[in-house]
C-alpha atoms as a PDB file:
ATOM      1  CA  MET A   1      -0.018   0.026   0.002  1.00  0.00           C
ATOM      2  CA  HIS A   2       2.821   2.435   0.915  1.00  0.00           C
ATOM      3  CA  ILE A   3       4.504   1.785  -2.517  1.00  0.00           C
ATOM      4  CA  GLN A   4       1.235   2.319  -4.271  1.00  0.00           C
ATOM      5  CA  ASN A   5       0.770   5.668  -2.554  1.00  0.00           C
ATOM      6  CA  LYS A   6       4.311   6.758  -3.559  1.00  0.00           C
ATOM      7  CA  THR A   7       3.611   5.765  -7.172  1.00  0.00           C
ATOM      8  CA  ALA A   8       0.347   7.593  -7.215  1.00  0.00           C
ATOM      9  CA  ALA A   9       2.091  10.688  -5.773  1.00  0.00           C
ATOM     10  CA  PHE A  10       4.940  10.450  -8.306  1.00  0.00           C
ATOM     11  CA  PHE A  11       2.499  10.351 -11.249  1.00  0.00           C
ATOM     12  CA  ALA A  12       0.411  13.176  -9.755  1.00  0.00           C
ATOM     13  CA  ILE A  13       3.563  15.368  -9.493  1.00  0.00           C
ATOM     14  CA  LEU A  14       4.579  14.393 -12.979  1.00  0.00           C
ATOM     15  CA  ILE A  15       1.180  15.367 -14.379  1.00  0.00           C
ATOM     16  CA  LEU A  16       1.120  18.643 -12.519  1.00  0.00           C
ATOM     17  CA  SER A  17       4.676  19.388 -13.768  1.00  0.00           C
ATOM     18  CA  LEU A  18       3.601  18.747 -17.369  1.00  0.00           C
ATOM     19  CA  PHE A  19       0.570  21.008 -17.063  1.00  0.00           C
ATOM     20  CA  GLY A  20       2.822  23.679 -15.500  1.00  0.00           C
ATOM     21  CA  PHE A  21       5.280  23.400 -18.354  1.00  0.00           C
ATOM     22  CA  ILE A  22       2.526  23.698 -20.992  1.00  0.00           C
ATOM     23  CA  LEU A  23       1.017  26.699 -19.183  1.00  0.00           C
ATOM     24  CA  HIS A  24       4.388  28.371 -18.972  1.00  0.00           C
ATOM     25  CA  GLN A  25       5.056  27.835 -22.662  1.00  0.00           C
ATOM     26  CA  GLY A  26       1.681  29.243 -23.553  1.00  0.00           C
ATOM     27  CA  MET A  27       2.170  32.404 -21.482  1.00  0.00           C
ATOM     28  CA  LYS A  28       5.656  33.146 -22.765  1.00  0.00           C
ATOM     29  CA  ARG A  29       5.885  36.298 -24.929  1.00  0.00           C
ATOM     30  CA  PRO A  30       6.174  35.322 -28.637  1.00  0.00           C
ATOM     31  CA  THR A  31       9.286  36.220 -30.457  1.00  0.00           C
ATOM     32  CA  SER A  32       8.961  39.384 -32.332  1.00  0.00           C
ATOM     33  CA  VAL A  33      10.340  37.996 -35.615  1.00  0.00           C
ATOM     34  CA  ILE A  34      11.096  34.550 -37.071  1.00  0.00           C
ATOM     35  CA  ILE A  35      13.217  34.342 -40.200  1.00  0.00           C
ATOM     36  CA  GLN A  36      13.310  31.034 -42.042  1.00  0.00           C
ATOM     37  CA  ALA A  37      15.842  30.174 -44.715  1.00  0.00           C
ATOM     38  CA  GLY A  38      13.965  27.993 -47.166  1.00  0.00           C
ATOM     39  CA  HIS A  39      15.330  24.469 -47.792  1.00  0.00           C
ATOM     40  CA  GLU A  40      18.057  24.851 -45.197  1.00  0.00           C
ATOM     41  CA  GLY A  41      19.250  21.590 -43.753  1.00  0.00           C
ATOM     42  CA  ARG A  42      17.584  19.406 -46.311  1.00  0.00           C
ATOM     43  CA  THR A  43      19.648  16.887 -48.278  1.00  0.00           C
ATOM     44  CA  CYS A  44      16.876  15.135 -50.166  1.00  0.00           C
ATOM     45  CA  GLY A  45      13.270  15.796 -51.214  1.00  0.00           C
ATOM     46  CA  ASN A  46      12.499  19.526 -51.727  1.00  0.00           C
ATOM     47  CA  THR A  47      15.989  21.025 -51.602  1.00  0.00           C
ATOM     48  CA  GLY A  48      15.355  24.119 -53.614  1.00  0.00           C
ATOM     49  CA  ALA A  49      16.209  25.421 -57.077  1.00  0.00           C
ATOM     50  CA  GLU A  50      19.670  24.766 -58.530  1.00  0.00           C
ATOM     51  CA  CYS A  51      21.644  25.652 -61.620  1.00  0.00           C
ATOM     52  CA  LYS A  52      25.288  25.129 -62.547  1.00  0.00           C
ATOM     53  CA  GLN A  53      26.613  28.073 -60.600  1.00  0.00           C
ATOM     54  CA  TYR A  54      24.141  28.700 -57.848  1.00  0.00           C
ATOM     55  CA  ARG A  55      22.065  26.794 -55.235  1.00  0.00           C
ATOM     56  CA  GLU A  56      18.930  28.407 -53.837  1.00  0.00           C
ATOM     57  CA  ALA A  57      19.496  27.121 -50.239  1.00  0.00           C
ATOM     58  CA  GLN A  58      22.801  28.857 -50.028  1.00  0.00           C
ATOM     59  CA  TRP A  59      21.349  32.139 -51.107  1.00  0.00           C
ATOM     60  CA  ASN A  60      18.457  31.720 -48.750  1.00  0.00           C
ATOM     61  CA  ILE A  61      20.813  31.155 -45.871  1.00  0.00           C
ATOM     62  CA  LEU A  62      23.015  34.181 -46.761  1.00  0.00           C
ATOM     63  CA  VAL A  63      19.986  36.467 -46.940  1.00  0.00           C
ATOM     64  CA  ALA A  64      18.299  35.116 -43.898  1.00  0.00           C
ATOM     65  CA  ASP A  65      21.500  35.534 -41.838  1.00  0.00           C
ATOM     66  CA  ALA A  66      21.931  39.117 -43.084  1.00  0.00           C
ATOM     67  CA  VAL A  67      18.339  39.960 -42.209  1.00  0.00           C
ATOM     68  CA  VAL A  68      18.836  38.603 -38.715  1.00  0.00           C
ATOM     69  CA  LYS A  69      22.087  40.520 -38.161  1.00  0.00           C
ATOM     70  CA  GLN A  70      20.436  43.806 -39.255  1.00  0.00           C
ATOM     71  CA  LEU A  71      17.423  43.349 -37.006  1.00  0.00           C
ATOM     72  CA  GLN A  72      19.647  42.567 -34.078  1.00  0.00           C
ATOM     73  CA  ARG A  73      21.555  45.780 -34.812  1.00  0.00           C
ATOM     74  CA  TRP A  74      18.162  47.543 -34.387  1.00  0.00           C
ATOM     75  CA  HIS A  75      17.662  45.618 -31.054  1.00  0.00           C
ATOM     76  CA  ILE A  76      14.708  43.675 -32.465  1.00  0.00           C
ATOM     77  CA  ASP A  77      14.021  40.228 -30.895  1.00  0.00           C
ATOM     78  CA  VAL A  78      14.487  37.746 -33.831  1.00  0.00           C
ATOM     79  CA  LYS A  79      14.934  33.992 -34.172  1.00  0.00           C
ATOM     80  CA  ARG A  80      16.386  31.991 -37.153  1.00  0.00           C
ATOM     81  CA  VAL A  81      14.912  28.637 -38.182  1.00  0.00           C
ATOM     82  CA  PRO A  82      15.805  26.199 -40.970  1.00  0.00           C
ATOM     83  CA  ALA A  83      13.482  24.409 -43.368  1.00  0.00           C
ATOM     84  CA  ASP A  84      12.235  22.045 -40.648  1.00  0.00           C
ATOM     85  CA  PHE A  85      11.675  23.156 -37.041  1.00  0.00           C
ATOM     86  CA  SER A  86       9.370  22.699 -34.074  1.00  0.00           C
ATOM     87  CA  HIS A  87       6.300  24.800 -33.308  1.00  0.00           C
ATOM     88  CA  GLN A  88       6.986  28.557 -32.860  1.00  0.00           C
ATOM     89  CA  ARG A  89       5.163  31.764 -31.893  1.00  0.00           C
ATOM     90  CA  ALA A  90       5.970  35.197 -33.384  1.00  0.00           C
ATOM     91  CA  LYS A  91       4.492  38.534 -34.312  1.00  0.00           C
ATOM     92  CA  ILE A  92       5.910  38.315 -37.757  1.00  0.00           C
ATOM     93  CA  ALA A  93       7.360  35.420 -39.731  1.00  0.00           C
ATOM     94  CA  VAL A  94       9.271  35.672 -43.081  1.00  0.00           C
ATOM     95  CA  ALA A  95      10.428  32.817 -45.196  1.00  0.00           C
ATOM     96  CA  ILE A  96      13.305  33.587 -47.680  1.00  0.00           C
ATOM     97  CA  HIS A  97      13.231  31.901 -51.135  1.00  0.00           C
ATOM     98  CA  PHE A  98      14.430  32.248 -54.680  1.00  0.00           C
ATOM     99  CA  ASP A  99      12.422  30.801 -57.529  1.00  0.00           C
ATOM    100  CA  GLY A 100      13.511  28.296 -60.201  1.00  0.00           C
ATOM    101  CA  ALA A 101      11.897  27.594 -63.596  1.00  0.00           C
ATOM    102  CA  LYS A 102      11.965  24.778 -66.086  1.00  0.00           C
ATOM    103  CA  HIS A 103      11.439  27.370 -68.826  1.00  0.00           C
ATOM    104  CA  ILE A 104      14.365  29.605 -68.107  1.00  0.00           C
ATOM    105  CA  CYS A 105      13.595  33.289 -67.387  1.00  0.00           C
ATOM    106  CA  HIS A 106       9.825  32.716 -67.288  1.00  0.00           C
ATOM    107  CA  SER A 107       9.675  33.374 -63.536  1.00  0.00           C
ATOM    108  CA  GLY A 108      10.742  36.194 -61.212  1.00  0.00           C
ATOM    109  CA  ALA A 109       9.648  37.653 -57.821  1.00  0.00           C
ATOM    110  CA  SER A 110       6.528  36.913 -55.936  1.00  0.00           C
ATOM    111  CA  VAL A 111       5.044  36.830 -52.514  1.00  0.00           C
ATOM    112  CA  GLY A 112       2.931  34.258 -50.662  1.00  0.00           C
ATOM    113  CA  TYR A 113       0.916  34.567 -47.453  1.00  0.00           C
ATOM    114  CA  PRO A 114      -1.839  32.870 -45.566  1.00  0.00           C
ATOM    115  CA  ASP A 115      -5.429  33.944 -45.886  1.00  0.00           C
ATOM    116  CA  ASN A 116      -5.670  36.788 -43.439  1.00  0.00           C
ATOM    117  CA  ASN A 117      -5.869  40.557 -43.821  1.00  0.00           C
ATOM    118  CA  ALA A 118      -2.780  41.396 -41.748  1.00  0.00           C
ATOM    119  CA  SER A 119      -0.542  39.256 -43.974  1.00  0.00           C
ATOM    120  CA  TYR A 120      -2.152  40.646 -47.116  1.00  0.00           C
ATOM    121  CA  ARG A 121      -1.512  44.237 -46.121  1.00  0.00           C
ATOM    122  CA  PHE A 122       2.090  43.504 -45.133  1.00  0.00           C
ATOM    123  CA  ALA A 123       2.573  41.813 -48.488  1.00  0.00           C
ATOM    124  CA  GLN A 124       1.399  44.809 -50.425  1.00  0.00           C
ATOM    125  CA  LYS A 125       3.864  47.056 -48.531  1.00  0.00           C
ATOM    126  CA  TRP A 126       6.702  44.613 -49.300  1.00  0.00           C
ATOM    127  CA  LYS A 127       5.739  44.585 -52.936  1.00  0.00           C
ATOM    128  CA  THR A 128       5.821  48.388 -53.203  1.00  0.00           C
ATOM    129  CA  LEU A 129       9.325  48.378 -51.664  1.00  0.00           C
ATOM    130  CA  TYR A 130      10.776  45.622 -53.814  1.00  0.00           C
ATOM    131  CA  LYS A 131       9.102  46.468 -57.002  1.00  0.00           C
ATOM    132  CA  ALA A 132      10.891  49.841 -56.941  1.00  0.00           C
ATOM    133  CA  TYR A 133      14.186  47.930 -56.749  1.00  0.00           C
ATOM    134  CA  PHE A 134      13.775  44.590 -58.517  1.00  0.00           C
ATOM    135  CA  PRO A 135      13.719  45.253 -62.335  1.00  0.00           C
ATOM    136  CA  PHE A 136      12.373  41.856 -63.493  1.00  0.00           C
ATOM    137  CA  LYS A 137       9.139  39.919 -63.800  1.00  0.00           C
ATOM    138  CA  TRP A 138       6.576  39.826 -60.998  1.00  0.00           C
ATOM    139  CA  HIS A 139       3.911  37.142 -60.470  1.00  0.00           C
ATOM    140  CA  GLU A 140       0.515  37.612 -58.835  1.00  0.00           C
ATOM    141  CA  ASP A 141       0.426  36.902 -55.134  1.00  0.00           C
ATOM    142  CA  ASN A 142       0.095  33.274 -54.083  1.00  0.00           C
ATOM    143  CA  PHE A 143       0.495  32.174 -57.759  1.00  0.00           C
ATOM    144  CA  THR A 144       1.380  28.625 -56.823  1.00  0.00           C
ATOM    145  CA  PRO A 145      -0.129  26.142 -54.339  1.00  0.00           C
ATOM    146  CA  ASN A 146       3.245  26.048 -52.428  1.00  0.00           C
ATOM    147  CA  LEU A 147       2.925  29.821 -51.763  1.00  0.00           C
ATOM    148  CA  LYS A 148      -0.732  29.815 -50.929  1.00  0.00           C
ATOM    149  CA  HIS A 149      -0.546  26.778 -48.662  1.00  0.00           C
ATOM    150  CA  TYR A 150       3.061  27.002 -47.500  1.00  0.00           C
ATOM    151  CA  TYR A 151       3.795  24.156 -45.122  1.00  0.00           C
ATOM    152  CA  ALA A 152       5.264  26.360 -42.407  1.00  0.00           C
ATOM    153  CA  TYR A 153       2.049  28.381 -41.986  1.00  0.00           C
ATOM    154  CA  ARG A 154       0.854  25.663 -39.627  1.00  0.00           C
ATOM    155  CA  TRP A 155       4.113  25.573 -37.678  1.00  0.00           C
ATOM    156  CA  ILE A 156       4.241  29.180 -36.622  1.00  0.00           C
ATOM    157  CA  ASP A 157       1.446  31.036 -34.744  1.00  0.00           C
ATOM    158  CA  THR A 158       1.858  34.498 -36.017  1.00  0.00           C
ATOM    159  CA  GLU A 159      -0.036  37.662 -36.928  1.00  0.00           C
ATOM    160  CA  LYS A 160       1.754  38.103 -40.233  1.00  0.00           C
ATOM    161  CA  PHE A 161       3.584  35.560 -42.433  1.00  0.00           C
ATOM    162  CA  LEU A 162       5.245  36.279 -45.753  1.00  0.00           C
ATOM    163  CA  VAL A 163       6.984  33.864 -48.110  1.00  0.00           C
ATOM    164  CA  LEU A 164       9.337  35.896 -50.264  1.00  0.00           C
ATOM    165  CA  GLU A 165      10.374  34.653 -53.701  1.00  0.00           C
ATOM    166  CA  LEU A 166      13.163  37.159 -54.444  1.00  0.00           C
ATOM    167  CA  GLY A 167      13.937  36.320 -58.041  1.00  0.00           C
ATOM    168  CA  GLU A 168      14.624  33.443 -60.471  1.00  0.00           C
ATOM    169  CA  ILE A 169      18.029  31.823 -59.674  1.00  0.00           C
ATOM    170  CA  THR A 170      17.835  29.697 -62.863  1.00  0.00           C
ATOM    171  CA  CYS A 171      17.671  32.887 -65.049  1.00  0.00           C
ATOM    172  CA  ALA A 172      21.307  34.018 -65.707  1.00  0.00           C
ATOM    173  CA  LYS A 173      20.293  37.628 -66.174  1.00  0.00           C
ATOM    174  CA  GLN A 174      18.361  37.779 -62.890  1.00  0.00           C
ATOM    175  CA  ALA A 175      21.021  35.756 -61.013  1.00  0.00           C
ATOM    176  CA  GLN A 176      23.798  38.069 -62.207  1.00  0.00           C
ATOM    177  CA  TRP A 177      21.779  41.051 -60.953  1.00  0.00           C
ATOM    178  CA  LEU A 178      20.854  39.386 -57.585  1.00  0.00           C
ATOM    179  CA  LYS A 179      24.177  37.953 -56.536  1.00  0.00           C
ATOM    180  CA  PRO A 180      26.040  41.242 -55.711  1.00  0.00           C
ATOM    181  CA  ARG A 181      22.833  42.638 -54.166  1.00  0.00           C
ATOM    182  CA  LEU A 182      21.904  39.940 -51.739  1.00  0.00           C
ATOM    183  CA  LYS A 183      23.004  41.747 -48.652  1.00  0.00           C
ATOM    184  CA  LYS A 184      21.285  44.952 -49.813  1.00  0.00           C
ATOM    185  CA  ILE A 185      18.043  42.986 -50.373  1.00  0.00           C
ATOM    186  CA  ALA A 186      18.434  41.615 -46.862  1.00  0.00           C
ATOM    187  CA  LYS A 187      18.601  45.109 -45.411  1.00  0.00           C
ATOM    188  CA  LEU A 188      15.425  45.988 -47.381  1.00  0.00           C
ATOM    189  CA  ILE A 189      13.647  42.950 -45.917  1.00  0.00           C
ATOM    190  CA  ALA A 190      14.843  43.951 -42.409  1.00  0.00           C
ATOM    191  CA  TYR A 191      13.599  47.538 -43.040  1.00  0.00           C
ATOM    192  CA  ALA A 192      10.181  46.239 -44.035  1.00  0.00           C
ATOM    193  CA  ILE A 193       9.926  44.096 -40.882  1.00  0.00           C
ATOM    194  CA  ALA A 194      11.088  46.786 -38.531  1.00  0.00           C
ATOM    195  CA  THR A 195       8.633  49.389 -39.919  1.00  0.00           C
ATOM    196  CA  GLU A 196       5.831  46.818 -39.771  1.00  0.00           C
ATOM    197  CA  LEU A 197       6.538  46.419 -36.116  1.00  0.00           C
ATOM    198  CA  GLY A 198       6.258  50.196 -35.748  1.00  0.00           C
ATOM    199  CA  ILE A 199      10.003  50.706 -35.185  1.00  0.00           C
ATOM    200  CA  GLN A 200      11.514  53.799 -36.846  1.00  0.00           C
ATOM    201  CA  VAL A 201      14.650  52.969 -38.679  1.00  0.00           C
ATOM    202  CA  SER A 202      16.458  54.498 -41.731  1.00  0.00           C
ATOM    203  CA  LYS A 203      15.581  53.113 -45.075  1.00  0.00           C
ATOM    204  CA  PRO A 204      18.668  51.472 -46.550  1.00  0.00           C
ATOM    205  CA  ALA A 205      20.394  53.112 -49.459  1.00  0.00           C
ATOM    206  CA  LEU A 206      20.183  50.641 -52.378  1.00  0.00           C
END
C-alpha cells in the first residue's frame, strides 16, 4: 500500500509538472520575428532550385542571416529557423526563397501569405518596396499552391507571415543582378519588418 501511494504521488507530481510546463510555454511572450531560410538543412526531397553556378538554399541562408544581423543591430528580438523546425510563436514570420523555372527566365519575384488581412497588407507594402528595386518579372500573389498553402504556416502561430520569392535563380540575367545585391536585399527585408513592427529605422540606401 505504501509503495502504491508513492507511485500515485509520483505520477500526480509528474502530471502537474507537465501542465505547469505547458501553461508556462503558452504564457511566454512570442518572439517578435522569425526568419526562415527556405530548404536549409535538407539533403533530399524539396532541396530548392539549382543551376550550374548557384544553389537556392545557399542564397536563402545568406540572405536570412543578413536579415537577422540587421534586425539585431536595431535591437529587435529575432529567431532564425531552418526548413524544418518545431512549433513557434511570433508577431511576424518571413520565409526567404528564390524561384526556379523549367522554362528559363519565365519566372521572377512573388510573395505568398496565408489567408488573413494582416498578412495581405504586409505583403502589399513589401511589394511596393521591392518592385521599386527589382527590375524583372513579378507574379501575382500566391500564384502557386506552395505559396498559398506554404507548409510552415501551420508551424508558426503569427499575426503576419510572408513567403518571399526574391527572383529566379535559374535565369542568368536575374542571377547576375541578384548575386552582388543579396545583402542589400536583406537590409530591405529587415527595414520592411522593422517598420511593420512600428519601429522607426532609416531606409537602406540601395
